[in-house]
Amino acid sequence: MYIRKILLLLVVLGLIIGGVFAYKVYDAVFSSNTKFNNEEAFLYVPTGATINDVSQLLDPLLKDTNTFVQVAERKGYASNVKGGKYAITKGMSNNDIINSLRSNNIPVKVSFNNQETLASLAGRIASQIEPDSLSLLKVLNDPDFYKGNGFNEATKIAMFIPNSYEFFWNTSAEKFRARMLKEYNRFWNEERRAKAKALRLSPTEVVSLASIVHKETAKVEERPRVAGVYLNRIRKNIKLQADPTVIYALKKHTGNFDTVIKRVLYKDLELDSPYNTYKYAGIPPGPITMPDISAIDAVLNPEKHDYYYFVANVENFGYHKFAKTLAQHNRNKAQYVRWINSQNINR
């Protein structure tokens, strides 16, 4: 009888201990373990991170990182950490968090616009995905890659079509570059290539001309007209005489692309550079910036007219006055010069 009571007591104690243990396990796995007030927090897990790295990143967000690590080890996540951007929702349990970290890598929007150099592009992209600007620039400057894909030193920035793209945050520099080539080839579909051919231009020549159009006017609706002016000049073998190309040539000559030049001077027109369209006829050897899609499509779908000249319209800022004759253009230009002198803009 006495032994039976002892055995019964041991069974009861075992059940209690087992219940406590089971509750603790359940609590560690399935109870809420977040301590932030927002509805959602984001975790950026670097490539090659360990479970300790993840634990440190989670420390400000969790009530108990020790239970998180314990559950992560039991679920096999500790030995299979993957880089990326992940969402942690308020009230999540360790089980929920680990499931999210395992399979819910969230894409990020990556965008860039009219960068003039690959260095500035690398800096822009580095602020949006994991690779730093130096590793991006090294990959983006690889001459063998461009040579193998039909680009050269001058035309390589034409490969980058400004837009918004979805990437995983942990995308490598090499994969970013490969995606940009894929997007370039997708952009230059049969229809666009046929339009370029009808203009007797290659895709990179179209982008180069579009980069000038982009710099000349920020007004999307005016770009087809500006493109038409330059195409008219090309057909007549007239030099483009585009101020933005001179500004680019000056920046390239000094190596300082942060220089702000608001006014092109007559002495600037003497700079011996293939990008100086006052000195050399035809389209420059490469783009002077990464033009918007609207500028590229403006070149491919230009307005048909008889204009050969244009100058900034001081009566309607942001737009231009167009002229068919040099005499008319000189009158428009004189008005612009008077205005710019009145503003004391000397450079």
C-alpha atoms as a PDB file:
ATOM      1  CA  MET A   1       0.000   0.000   0.000  1.00  0.00           C
ATOM      2  CA  TYR A   2       2.783   2.361   0.948  1.00  0.00           C
ATOM      3  CA  ILE A   3       4.703   1.555  -2.225  1.00  0.00           C
ATOM      4  CA  ARG A   4       1.565   2.171  -4.311  1.00  0.00           C
ATOM      5  CA  LYS A   5       1.180   5.622  -2.745  1.00  0.00           C
ATOM      6  CA  ILE A   6       4.805   6.441  -3.539  1.00  0.00           C
ATOM      7  CA  LEU A   7       4.399   5.288  -7.120  1.00  0.00           C
ATOM      8  CA  LEU A   8       1.196   7.292  -7.463  1.00  0.00           C
ATOM      9  CA  LEU A   9       2.948  10.342  -6.051  1.00  0.00           C
ATOM     10  CA  LEU A  10       5.801   9.881  -8.503  1.00  0.00           C
ATOM     11  CA  VAL A  11       3.344   9.597 -11.374  1.00  0.00           C
ATOM     12  CA  VAL A  12       1.574  12.768 -10.297  1.00  0.00           C
ATOM     13  CA  LEU A  13       4.896  14.606  -9.911  1.00  0.00           C
ATOM     14  CA  GLY A  14       5.955  13.347 -13.334  1.00  0.00           C
ATOM     15  CA  LEU A  15       2.741  14.596 -14.873  1.00  0.00           C
ATOM     16  CA  ILE A  16       3.163  17.967 -13.206  1.00  0.00           C
ATOM     17  CA  ILE A  17       6.790  18.251 -14.280  1.00  0.00           C
ATOM     18  CA  GLY A  18       5.902  17.053 -17.777  1.00  0.00           C
ATOM     19  CA  GLY A  19       3.048  19.518 -17.937  1.00  0.00           C
ATOM     20  CA  VAL A  20       5.287  22.367 -16.818  1.00  0.00           C
ATOM     21  CA  PHE A  21       7.908  21.318 -19.363  1.00  0.00           C
ATOM     22  CA  ALA A  22       5.299  20.988 -22.096  1.00  0.00           C
ATOM     23  CA  TYR A  23       3.901  24.413 -21.227  1.00  0.00           C
ATOM     24  CA  LYS A  24       7.366  25.963 -21.370  1.00  0.00           C
ATOM     25  CA  VAL A  25       8.044  24.319 -24.710  1.00  0.00           C
ATOM     26  CA  TYR A  26       4.684  25.469 -26.027  1.00  0.00           C
ATOM     27  CA  ASP A  27       5.267  28.957 -24.655  1.00  0.00           C
ATOM     28  CA  ALA A  28       8.735  29.153 -26.232  1.00  0.00           C
ATOM     29  CA  VAL A  29       7.462  27.976 -29.590  1.00  0.00           C
ATOM     30  CA  PHE A  30       3.982  29.435 -29.944  1.00  0.00           C
ATOM     31  CA  SER A  31       3.541  32.409 -27.576  1.00  0.00           C
ATOM     32  CA  SER A  32       4.125  35.977 -28.689  1.00  0.00           C
ATOM     33  CA  ASN A  33       7.771  36.998 -28.398  1.00  0.00           C
ATOM     34  CA  THR A  34       7.774  40.519 -29.855  1.00  0.00           C
ATOM     35  CA  LYS A  35       8.180  43.749 -27.881  1.00  0.00           C
ATOM     36  CA  PHE A  36       7.931  46.514 -30.477  1.00  0.00           C
ATOM     37  CA  ASN A  37       4.887  48.793 -30.747  1.00  0.00           C
ATOM     38  CA  ASN A  38       4.586  49.152 -34.527  1.00  0.00           C
ATOM     39  CA  GLU A  39       2.484  46.670 -36.440  1.00  0.00           C
ATOM     40  CA  GLU A  40       5.495  45.468 -38.400  1.00  0.00           C
ATOM     41  CA  ALA A  41       9.276  45.598 -38.287  1.00  0.00           C
ATOM     42  CA  PHE A  42      11.762  44.660 -40.992  1.00  0.00           C
ATOM     43  CA  LEU A  43      14.908  42.628 -40.555  1.00  0.00           C
ATOM     44  CA  TYR A  44      17.797  42.787 -43.044  1.00  0.00           C
ATOM     45  CA  VAL A  45      19.834  39.595 -42.744  1.00  0.00           C
ATOM     46  CA  PRO A  46      23.263  39.873 -44.421  1.00  0.00           C
ATOM     47  CA  THR A  47      24.516  37.155 -46.742  1.00  0.00           C
ATOM     48  CA  GLY A  48      26.557  34.627 -44.740  1.00  0.00           C
ATOM     49  CA  ALA A  49      24.987  35.612 -41.411  1.00  0.00           C
ATOM     50  CA  THR A  50      24.967  33.111 -38.529  1.00  0.00           C
ATOM     51  CA  ILE A  51      22.218  32.425 -36.008  1.00  0.00           C
ATOM     52  CA  ASN A  52      24.118  34.611 -33.544  1.00  0.00           C
ATOM     53  CA  ASP A  53      24.079  37.475 -36.062  1.00  0.00           C
ATOM     54  CA  VAL A  54      20.327  37.048 -36.511  1.00  0.00           C
ATOM     55  CA  SER A  55      19.845  36.918 -32.750  1.00  0.00           C
ATOM     56  CA  GLN A  56      21.693  40.215 -32.331  1.00  0.00           C
ATOM     57  CA  LEU A  57      19.621  41.832 -35.085  1.00  0.00           C
ATOM     58  CA  LEU A  58      16.441  40.607 -33.390  1.00  0.00           C
ATOM     59  CA  ASP A  59      17.478  41.635 -29.883  1.00  0.00           C
ATOM     60  CA  PRO A  60      15.746  45.067 -29.990  1.00  0.00           C
ATOM     61  CA  LEU A  61      12.564  43.436 -31.319  1.00  0.00           C
ATOM     62  CA  LEU A  62      12.132  40.350 -29.097  1.00  0.00           C
ATOM     63  CA  LYS A  63      11.292  39.771 -25.450  1.00  0.00           C
ATOM     64  CA  ASP A  64      13.586  36.750 -25.259  1.00  0.00           C
ATOM     65  CA  THR A  65      16.253  36.000 -27.877  1.00  0.00           C
ATOM     66  CA  ASN A  66      17.401  32.875 -25.987  1.00  0.00           C
ATOM     67  CA  THR A  67      14.139  31.056 -26.633  1.00  0.00           C
ATOM     68  CA  PHE A  68      14.281  32.199 -30.253  1.00  0.00           C
ATOM     69  CA  VAL A  69      17.726  30.604 -30.680  1.00  0.00           C
ATOM     70  CA  GLN A  70      16.582  27.403 -28.935  1.00  0.00           C
ATOM     71  CA  VAL A  71      13.558  27.044 -31.210  1.00  0.00           C
ATOM     72  CA  ALA A  72      15.675  27.968 -34.269  1.00  0.00           C
ATOM     73  CA  GLU A  73      18.077  25.144 -33.422  1.00  0.00           C
ATOM     74  CA  ARG A  74      15.245  22.640 -32.965  1.00  0.00           C
ATOM     75  CA  LYS A  75      13.640  23.630 -36.276  1.00  0.00           C
ATOM     76  CA  GLY A  76      16.948  23.460 -38.183  1.00  0.00           C
ATOM     77  CA  TYR A  77      16.993  27.161 -39.053  1.00  0.00           C
ATOM     78  CA  ALA A  78      20.162  27.842 -37.051  1.00  0.00           C
ATOM     79  CA  SER A  79      22.231  25.917 -39.600  1.00  0.00           C
ATOM     80  CA  ASN A  80      20.390  27.285 -42.641  1.00  0.00           C
ATOM     81  CA  VAL A  81      20.270  31.077 -42.246  1.00  0.00           C
ATOM     82  CA  LYS A  82      19.487  32.909 -45.499  1.00  0.00           C
ATOM     83  CA  GLY A  83      20.143  36.553 -46.290  1.00  0.00           C
ATOM     84  CA  GLY A  84      17.341  38.910 -47.259  1.00  0.00           C
ATOM     85  CA  LYS A  85      14.700  41.328 -46.058  1.00  0.00           C
ATOM     86  CA  TYR A  86      12.077  39.838 -43.758  1.00  0.00           C
ATOM     87  CA  ALA A  87       8.962  41.161 -42.020  1.00  0.00           C
ATOM     88  CA  ILE A  88       8.319  40.530 -38.334  1.00  0.00           C
ATOM     89  CA  THR A  89       4.719  41.231 -37.349  1.00  0.00           C
ATOM     90  CA  LYS A  90       3.698  42.385 -33.894  1.00  0.00           C
ATOM     91  CA  GLY A  91       2.589  39.409 -31.769  1.00  0.00           C
ATOM     92  CA  MET A  92       4.541  36.792 -33.739  1.00  0.00           C
ATOM     93  CA  SER A  93       5.777  33.697 -31.925  1.00  0.00           C
ATOM     94  CA  ASN A  94       9.249  32.236 -32.337  1.00  0.00           C
ATOM     95  CA  ASN A  95       7.716  29.629 -34.625  1.00  0.00           C
ATOM     96  CA  ASP A  96       6.121  32.321 -36.794  1.00  0.00           C
ATOM     97  CA  ILE A  97       9.333  34.359 -36.896  1.00  0.00           C
ATOM     98  CA  ILE A  98      11.425  31.385 -37.970  1.00  0.00           C
ATOM     99  CA  ASN A  99       8.904  30.400 -40.640  1.00  0.00           C
ATOM    100  CA  SER A 100       9.036  33.955 -41.969  1.00  0.00           C
ATOM    101  CA  LEU A 101      12.844  33.994 -41.956  1.00  0.00           C
ATOM    102  CA  ARG A 102      12.880  30.702 -43.800  1.00  0.00           C
ATOM    103  CA  SER A 103      10.648  31.462 -46.733  1.00  0.00           C
ATOM    104  CA  ASN A 104       9.390  35.045 -46.878  1.00  0.00           C
ATOM    105  CA  ASN A 105      12.272  37.014 -48.375  1.00  0.00           C
ATOM    106  CA  ILE A 106      10.548  40.275 -49.356  1.00  0.00           C
ATOM    107  CA  PRO A 107      11.461  41.967 -52.674  1.00  0.00           C
ATOM    108  CA  VAL A 108      12.486  45.631 -52.528  1.00  0.00           C
ATOM    109  CA  LYS A 109      11.855  48.337 -55.114  1.00  0.00           C
ATOM    110  CA  VAL A 110      15.099  49.474 -56.721  1.00  0.00           C
ATOM    111  CA  SER A 111      15.012  52.626 -58.826  1.00  0.00           C
ATOM    112  CA  PHE A 112      17.489  54.919 -60.525  1.00  0.00           C
ATOM    113  CA  ASN A 113      17.178  57.778 -62.992  1.00  0.00           C
ATOM    114  CA  ASN A 114      19.593  59.917 -64.978  1.00  0.00           C
ATOM    115  CA  GLN A 115      22.959  58.938 -63.517  1.00  0.00           C
ATOM    116  CA  GLU A 116      25.835  60.248 -65.634  1.00  0.00           C
ATOM    117  CA  THR A 117      28.418  57.681 -64.528  1.00  0.00           C
ATOM    118  CA  LEU A 118      28.577  54.107 -63.328  1.00  0.00           C
ATOM    119  CA  ALA A 119      30.094  55.416 -60.092  1.00  0.00           C
ATOM    120  CA  SER A 120      26.963  57.421 -59.334  1.00  0.00           C
ATOM    121  CA  LEU A 121      24.812  54.433 -60.337  1.00  0.00           C
ATOM    122  CA  ALA A 122      26.757  52.186 -57.951  1.00  0.00           C
ATOM    123  CA  GLY A 123      26.188  54.654 -55.125  1.00  0.00           C
ATOM    124  CA  ARG A 124      22.481  54.864 -55.893  1.00  0.00           C
ATOM    125  CA  ILE A 125      22.015  51.094 -56.037  1.00  0.00           C
ATOM    126  CA  ALA A 126      24.127  50.480 -52.919  1.00  0.00           C
ATOM    127  CA  SER A 127      21.609  52.507 -50.915  1.00  0.00           C
ATOM    128  CA  GLN A 128      18.858  50.071 -51.927  1.00  0.00           C
ATOM    129  CA  ILE A 129      20.340  46.547 -51.916  1.00  0.00           C
ATOM    130  CA  GLU A 130      23.015  44.721 -49.924  1.00  0.00           C
ATOM    131  CA  PRO A 131      26.226  45.091 -52.008  1.00  0.00           C
ATOM    132  CA  ASP A 132      28.271  48.197 -51.223  1.00  0.00           C
ATOM    133  CA  SER A 133      29.167  50.783 -53.853  1.00  0.00           C
ATOM    134  CA  LEU A 134      32.768  49.538 -54.266  1.00  0.00           C
ATOM    135  CA  SER A 135      31.765  45.946 -54.998  1.00  0.00           C
ATOM    136  CA  LEU A 136      29.042  47.165 -57.354  1.00  0.00           C
ATOM    137  CA  LEU A 137      31.402  49.518 -59.171  1.00  0.00           C
ATOM    138  CA  LYS A 138      33.985  46.766 -59.630  1.00  0.00           C
ATOM    139  CA  VAL A 139      31.405  44.530 -61.299  1.00  0.00           C
ATOM    140  CA  LEU A 140      29.799  47.370 -63.275  1.00  0.00           C
ATOM    141  CA  ASN A 141      33.183  48.392 -64.703  1.00  0.00           C
ATOM    142  CA  ASP A 142      34.188  44.931 -65.947  1.00  0.00           C
ATOM    143  CA  PRO A 143      35.236  45.579 -69.597  1.00  0.00           C
ATOM    144  CA  ASP A 144      35.030  41.911 -70.618  1.00  0.00           C
ATOM    145  CA  PHE A 145      31.342  41.767 -69.707  1.00  0.00           C
ATOM    146  CA  TYR A 146      30.470  44.741 -71.905  1.00  0.00           C
ATOM    147  CA  LYS A 147      32.668  43.631 -74.774  1.00  0.00           C
ATOM    148  CA  GLY A 148      30.961  40.249 -74.754  1.00  0.00           C
ATOM    149  CA  ASN A 149      27.541  41.893 -74.909  1.00  0.00           C
ATOM    150  CA  GLY A 150      28.098  44.464 -77.637  1.00  0.00           C
ATOM    151  CA  PHE A 151      29.023  47.541 -75.589  1.00  0.00           C
ATOM    152  CA  ASN A 152      32.216  49.542 -75.280  1.00  0.00           C
ATOM    153  CA  GLU A 153      33.643  51.995 -72.756  1.00  0.00           C
ATOM    154  CA  ALA A 154      31.567  54.884 -74.122  1.00  0.00           C
ATOM    155  CA  THR A 155      28.284  53.037 -74.641  1.00  0.00           C
ATOM    156  CA  LYS A 156      28.171  50.813 -71.554  1.00  0.00           C
ATOM    157  CA  ILE A 157      25.899  53.130 -69.565  1.00  0.00           C
ATOM    158  CA  ALA A 158      23.292  52.692 -72.322  1.00  0.00           C
ATOM    159  CA  MET A 159      22.685  49.205 -70.909  1.00  0.00           C
ATOM    160  CA  PHE A 160      20.995  50.658 -67.839  1.00  0.00           C
ATOM    161  CA  ILE A 161      17.379  51.643 -68.499  1.00  0.00           C
ATOM    162  CA  PRO A 162      16.118  53.931 -65.693  1.00  0.00           C
ATOM    163  CA  ASN A 163      13.018  52.504 -64.066  1.00  0.00           C
ATOM    164  CA  SER A 164      11.788  50.838 -60.876  1.00  0.00           C
ATOM    165  CA  TYR A 165      12.608  47.157 -60.565  1.00  0.00           C
ATOM    166  CA  GLU A 166      11.937  44.469 -57.972  1.00  0.00           C
ATOM    167  CA  PHE A 167      14.993  42.790 -56.473  1.00  0.00           C
ATOM    168  CA  PHE A 168      15.658  40.753 -53.386  1.00  0.00           C
ATOM    169  CA  TRP A 169      17.645  42.909 -50.983  1.00  0.00           C
ATOM    170  CA  ASN A 170      20.472  40.341 -50.884  1.00  0.00           C
ATOM    171  CA  THR A 171      20.921  40.334 -54.689  1.00  0.00           C
ATOM    172  CA  SER A 172      24.634  40.203 -55.545  1.00  0.00           C
ATOM    173  CA  ALA A 173      26.392  42.795 -57.698  1.00  0.00           C
ATOM    174  CA  GLU A 174      26.792  40.211 -60.479  1.00  0.00           C
ATOM    175  CA  LYS A 175      23.096  39.335 -60.434  1.00  0.00           C
ATOM    176  CA  PHE A 176      22.148  43.011 -60.493  1.00  0.00           C
ATOM    177  CA  ARG A 177      24.276  43.519 -63.604  1.00  0.00           C
ATOM    178  CA  ALA A 178      22.840  40.398 -65.275  1.00  0.00           C
ATOM    179  CA  ARG A 179      19.307  41.603 -64.562  1.00  0.00           C
ATOM    180  CA  MET A 180      20.058  44.990 -66.121  1.00  0.00           C
ATOM    181  CA  LEU A 181      21.265  43.300 -69.304  1.00  0.00           C
ATOM    182  CA  LYS A 182      18.091  41.205 -69.347  1.00  0.00           C
ATOM    183  CA  GLU A 183      15.950  44.334 -68.898  1.00  0.00           C
ATOM    184  CA  TYR A 184      17.878  46.098 -71.681  1.00  0.00           C
ATOM    185  CA  ASN A 185      17.219  43.236 -74.093  1.00  0.00           C
ATOM    186  CA  ARG A 186      13.572  43.117 -73.041  1.00  0.00           C
ATOM    187  CA  PHE A 187      13.212  46.867 -73.556  1.00  0.00           C
ATOM    188  CA  TRP A 188      14.754  46.705 -77.013  1.00  0.00           C
ATOM    189  CA  ASN A 189      12.040  44.521 -78.468  1.00  0.00           C
ATOM    190  CA  GLU A 190      11.392  44.027 -82.176  1.00  0.00           C
ATOM    191  CA  GLU A 191       9.162  47.101 -82.413  1.00  0.00           C
ATOM    192  CA  ARG A 192      11.714  49.480 -80.897  1.00  0.00           C
ATOM    193  CA  ARG A 193      14.557  47.977 -82.914  1.00  0.00           C
ATOM    194  CA  ALA A 194      12.528  48.380 -86.096  1.00  0.00           C
ATOM    195  CA  LYS A 195      11.905  52.060 -85.291  1.00  0.00           C
ATOM    196  CA  ALA A 196      15.609  52.608 -84.614  1.00  0.00           C
ATOM    197  CA  LYS A 197      16.486  50.936 -87.903  1.00  0.00           C
ATOM    198  CA  ALA A 198      14.016  53.183 -89.737  1.00  0.00           C
ATOM    199  CA  LEU A 199      15.913  56.166 -88.308  1.00  0.00           C
ATOM    200  CA  ARG A 200      19.185  54.540 -89.420  1.00  0.00           C
ATOM    201  CA  LEU A 201      20.352  54.443 -85.820  1.00  0.00           C
ATOM    202  CA  SER A 202      21.523  51.623 -83.562  1.00  0.00           C
ATOM    203  CA  PRO A 203      19.901  51.188 -80.125  1.00  0.00           C
ATOM    204  CA  THR A 204      22.960  52.709 -78.422  1.00  0.00           C
ATOM    205  CA  GLU A 205      22.840  55.684 -80.802  1.00  0.00           C
ATOM    206  CA  VAL A 206      19.179  56.158 -79.956  1.00  0.00           C
ATOM    207  CA  VAL A 207      20.035  56.122 -76.234  1.00  0.00           C
ATOM    208  CA  SER A 208      22.898  58.570 -76.822  1.00  0.00           C
ATOM    209  CA  LEU A 209      20.605  60.983 -78.656  1.00  0.00           C
ATOM    210  CA  ALA A 210      17.881  60.437 -76.050  1.00  0.00           C
ATOM    211  CA  SER A 211      20.330  61.391 -73.317  1.00  0.00           C
ATOM    212  CA  ILE A 212      20.725  64.805 -74.976  1.00  0.00           C
ATOM    213  CA  VAL A 213      16.954  65.168 -75.342  1.00  0.00           C
ATOM    214  CA  HIS A 214      16.558  64.240 -71.679  1.00  0.00           C
ATOM    215  CA  LYS A 215      19.040  66.916 -70.610  1.00  0.00           C
ATOM    216  CA  GLU A 216      17.534  69.557 -72.891  1.00  0.00           C
ATOM    217  CA  THR A 217      14.015  69.400 -71.475  1.00  0.00           C
ATOM    218  CA  ALA A 218      12.357  68.005 -68.383  1.00  0.00           C
ATOM    219  CA  LYS A 219       8.958  68.366 -70.030  1.00  0.00           C
ATOM    220  CA  VAL A 220       7.998  64.893 -71.246  1.00  0.00           C
ATOM    221  CA  GLU A 221       5.447  66.285 -73.709  1.00  0.00           C
ATOM    222  CA  GLU A 222       8.128  68.455 -75.343  1.00  0.00           C
ATOM    223  CA  ARG A 223      10.689  65.702 -75.840  1.00  0.00           C
ATOM    224  CA  PRO A 224       9.337  64.378 -79.191  1.00  0.00           C
ATOM    225  CA  ARG A 225       9.634  67.902 -80.614  1.00  0.00           C
ATOM    226  CA  VAL A 226      13.201  68.329 -79.349  1.00  0.00           C
ATOM    227  CA  ALA A 227      14.072  64.896 -80.719  1.00  0.00           C
ATOM    228  CA  GLY A 228      12.622  65.962 -84.068  1.00  0.00           C
ATOM    229  CA  VAL A 229      14.947  68.985 -84.144  1.00  0.00           C
ATOM    230  CA  TYR A 230      18.048  66.868 -83.655  1.00  0.00           C
ATOM    231  CA  LEU A 231      16.934  64.262 -86.175  1.00  0.00           C
ATOM    232  CA  ASN A 232      16.299  67.048 -88.700  1.00  0.00           C
ATOM    233  CA  ARG A 233      19.828  68.341 -88.127  1.00  0.00           C
ATOM    234  CA  ILE A 234      21.308  64.853 -88.502  1.00  0.00           C
ATOM    235  CA  ARG A 235      19.513  64.368 -91.833  1.00  0.00           C
ATOM    236  CA  LYS A 236      20.924  67.675 -93.094  1.00  0.00           C
ATOM    237  CA  ASN A 237      24.384  66.868 -91.722  1.00  0.00           C
ATOM    238  CA  ILE A 238      24.207  69.908 -89.415  1.00  0.00           C
ATOM    239  CA  LYS A 239      26.111  69.710 -86.139  1.00  0.00           C
ATOM    240  CA  LEU A 240      23.831  69.072 -83.167  1.00  0.00           C
ATOM    241  CA  GLN A 241      25.311  71.993 -81.208  1.00  0.00           C
ATOM    242  CA  ALA A 242      23.766  70.760 -77.955  1.00  0.00           C
ATOM    243  CA  ASP A 243      24.861  72.599 -74.815  1.00  0.00           C
ATOM    244  CA  PRO A 244      24.391  69.519 -72.553  1.00  0.00           C
ATOM    245  CA  THR A 245      27.083  67.686 -74.529  1.00  0.00           C
ATOM    246  CA  VAL A 246      29.525  70.523 -73.901  1.00  0.00           C
ATOM    247  CA  ILE A 247      28.714  70.477 -70.195  1.00  0.00           C
ATOM    248  CA  TYR A 248      29.297  66.720 -70.130  1.00  0.00           C
ATOM    249  CA  ALA A 249      32.581  67.141 -72.018  1.00  0.00           C
ATOM    250  CA  LEU A 250      33.729  69.723 -69.446  1.00  0.00           C
ATOM    251  CA  LYS A 251      32.839  67.421 -66.556  1.00  0.00           C
ATOM    252  CA  LYS A 252      34.564  64.477 -68.203  1.00  0.00           C
ATOM    253  CA  HIS A 253      37.632  66.630 -68.918  1.00  0.00           C
ATOM    254  CA  THR A 254      37.939  67.695 -65.259  1.00  0.00           C
ATOM    255  CA  GLY A 255      36.763  64.386 -63.826  1.00  0.00           C
ATOM    256  CA  ASN A 256      34.322  66.258 -61.594  1.00  0.00           C
ATOM    257  CA  PHE A 257      30.757  65.241 -62.390  1.00  0.00           C
ATOM    258  CA  ASP A 258      29.419  67.170 -59.397  1.00  0.00           C
ATOM    259  CA  THR A 259      30.190  70.464 -61.118  1.00  0.00           C
ATOM    260  CA  VAL A 260      27.115  72.639 -61.652  1.00  0.00           C
ATOM    261  CA  ILE A 261      27.263  74.544 -64.956  1.00  0.00           C
ATOM    262  CA  LYS A 262      24.261  76.738 -65.722  1.00  0.00           C
ATOM    263  CA  ARG A 263      25.729  78.611 -68.670  1.00  0.00           C
ATOM    264  CA  VAL A 264      27.926  77.442 -71.533  1.00  0.00           C
ATOM    265  CA  LEU A 265      30.517  80.044 -72.514  1.00  0.00           C
ATOM    266  CA  TYR A 266      32.014  80.585 -75.983  1.00  0.00           C
ATOM    267  CA  LYS A 267      35.405  79.392 -74.728  1.00  0.00           C
ATOM    268  CA  ASP A 268      33.797  76.094 -73.682  1.00  0.00           C
ATOM    269  CA  LEU A 269      32.863  75.422 -77.285  1.00  0.00           C
ATOM    270  CA  GLU A 270      36.562  75.103 -78.140  1.00  0.00           C
ATOM    271  CA  LEU A 271      37.098  72.089 -75.885  1.00  0.00           C
ATOM    272  CA  ASP A 272      38.449  69.246 -78.019  1.00  0.00           C
ATOM    273  CA  SER A 273      36.221  66.349 -77.036  1.00  0.00           C
ATOM    274  CA  PRO A 274      34.230  63.852 -79.120  1.00  0.00           C
ATOM    275  CA  TYR A 275      31.288  64.813 -76.889  1.00  0.00           C
ATOM    276  CA  ASN A 276      31.483  68.465 -77.977  1.00  0.00           C
ATOM    277  CA  THR A 277      28.751  68.585 -80.617  1.00  0.00           C
ATOM    278  CA  TYR A 278      29.703  72.164 -81.528  1.00  0.00           C
ATOM    279  CA  LYS A 279      33.057  70.833 -82.708  1.00  0.00           C
ATOM    280  CA  TYR A 280      32.162  67.377 -84.019  1.00  0.00           C
ATOM    281  CA  ALA A 281      29.220  66.364 -86.182  1.00  0.00           C
ATOM    282  CA  GLY A 282      26.871  63.500 -85.459  1.00  0.00           C
ATOM    283  CA  ILE A 283      25.812  61.741 -82.293  1.00  0.00           C
ATOM    284  CA  PRO A 284      28.433  61.566 -79.503  1.00  0.00           C
ATOM    285  CA  PRO A 285      30.210  58.232 -78.945  1.00  0.00           C
ATOM    286  CA  GLY A 286      27.985  57.390 -75.994  1.00  0.00           C
ATOM    287  CA  PRO A 287      25.205  58.685 -73.733  1.00  0.00           C
ATOM    288  CA  ILE A 288      25.853  61.735 -71.560  1.00  0.00           C
ATOM    289  CA  THR A 289      23.414  60.381 -68.964  1.00  0.00           C
ATOM    290  CA  MET A 290      21.014  57.483 -68.502  1.00  0.00           C
ATOM    291  CA  PRO A 291      17.912  58.907 -70.197  1.00  0.00           C
ATOM    292  CA  ASP A 292      14.348  58.273 -69.099  1.00  0.00           C
ATOM    293  CA  ILE A 293      12.281  55.849 -71.138  1.00  0.00           C
ATOM    294  CA  SER A 294      10.188  58.847 -72.224  1.00  0.00           C
ATOM    295  CA  ALA A 295      13.276  60.402 -73.838  1.00  0.00           C
ATOM    296  CA  ILE A 296      14.209  57.170 -75.619  1.00  0.00           C
ATOM    297  CA  ASP A 297      10.671  56.754 -76.919  1.00  0.00           C
ATOM    298  CA  ALA A 298      10.673  60.420 -77.963  1.00  0.00           C
ATOM    299  CA  VAL A 299      13.615  59.708 -80.276  1.00  0.00           C
ATOM    300  CA  LEU A 300      11.913  56.591 -81.617  1.00  0.00           C
ATOM    301  CA  ASN A 301       8.639  58.483 -82.093  1.00  0.00           C
ATOM    302  CA  PRO A 302       9.749  62.033 -82.939  1.00  0.00           C
ATOM    303  CA  GLU A 303       7.444  64.860 -83.858  1.00  0.00           C
ATOM    304  CA  LYS A 304       7.631  65.540 -87.588  1.00  0.00           C
ATOM    305  CA  HIS A 305       8.238  69.228 -88.276  1.00  0.00           C
ATOM    306  CA  ASP A 306      10.611  71.680 -89.981  1.00  0.00           C
ATOM    307  CA  TYR A 307      12.320  73.063 -86.884  1.00  0.00           C
ATOM    308  CA  TYR A 308      16.122  73.135 -86.763  1.00  0.00           C
ATOM    309  CA  TYR A 309      16.690  75.355 -83.738  1.00  0.00           C
ATOM    310  CA  PHE A 310      15.366  75.904 -80.232  1.00  0.00           C
ATOM    311  CA  VAL A 311      16.217  77.948 -77.163  1.00  0.00           C
ATOM    312  CA  ALA A 312      14.800  78.259 -73.638  1.00  0.00           C
ATOM    313  CA  ASN A 313      11.528  80.164 -73.507  1.00  0.00           C
ATOM    314  CA  VAL A 314      11.875  82.866 -70.827  1.00  0.00           C
ATOM    315  CA  GLU A 315       8.159  83.628 -71.156  1.00  0.00           C
ATOM    316  CA  ASN A 316       7.204  80.046 -70.304  1.00  0.00           C
ATOM    317  CA  PHE A 317       9.930  78.579 -68.118  1.00  0.00           C
ATOM    318  CA  GLY A 318      10.683  74.913 -68.623  1.00  0.00           C
ATOM    319  CA  TYR A 319       9.682  75.032 -72.266  1.00  0.00           C
ATOM    320  CA  HIS A 320      11.483  76.172 -75.419  1.00  0.00           C
ATOM    321  CA  LYS A 321      10.937  78.381 -78.449  1.00  0.00           C
ATOM    322  CA  PHE A 322      11.462  76.550 -81.730  1.00  0.00           C
ATOM    323  CA  ALA A 323      12.557  78.063 -85.014  1.00  0.00           C
ATOM    324  CA  LYS A 324      12.749  76.973 -88.646  1.00  0.00           C
ATOM    325  CA  THR A 325      15.320  79.567 -89.698  1.00  0.00           C
ATOM    326  CA  LEU A 326      18.539  80.884 -88.197  1.00  0.00           C
ATOM    327  CA  ALA A 327      17.209  84.463 -88.316  1.00  0.00           C
ATOM    328  CA  GLN A 328      14.176  83.511 -86.269  1.00  0.00           C
ATOM    329  CA  HIS A 329      16.339  81.533 -83.863  1.00  0.00           C
ATOM    330  CA  ASN A 330      18.719  84.464 -83.367  1.00  0.00           C
ATOM    331  CA  ARG A 331      15.801  86.661 -82.335  1.00  0.00           C
ATOM    332  CA  ASN A 332      14.668  84.044 -79.823  1.00  0.00           C
ATOM    333  CA  LYS A 333      18.218  83.585 -78.598  1.00  0.00           C
ATOM    334  CA  ALA A 334      18.715  87.343 -78.102  1.00  0.00           C
ATOM    335  CA  GLN A 335      15.707  87.401 -75.793  1.00  0.00           C
ATOM    336  CA  TYR A 336      17.147  84.484 -73.804  1.00  0.00           C
ATOM    337  CA  VAL A 337      20.613  86.088 -73.566  1.00  0.00           C
ATOM    338  CA  ARG A 338      19.100  89.333 -72.266  1.00  0.00           C
ATOM    339  CA  TRP A 339      17.242  87.406 -69.593  1.00  0.00           C
ATOM    340  CA  ILE A 340      20.221  85.297 -68.503  1.00  0.00           C
ATOM    341  CA  ASN A 341      22.403  88.407 -68.287  1.00  0.00           C
ATOM    342  CA  SER A 342      19.775  90.083 -66.121  1.00  0.00           C
ATOM    343  CA  GLN A 343      20.038  87.135 -63.732  1.00  0.00           C
ATOM    344  CA  ASN A 344      23.835  87.526 -63.436  1.00  0.00           C
ATOM    345  CA  ILE A 345      24.334  83.884 -64.384  1.00  0.00           C
ATOM    346  CA  ASN A 346      27.967  83.770 -65.473  1.00  0.00           C
ATOM    347  CA  ARG A 347      28.595  80.018 -65.171  1.00  0.00           C
END
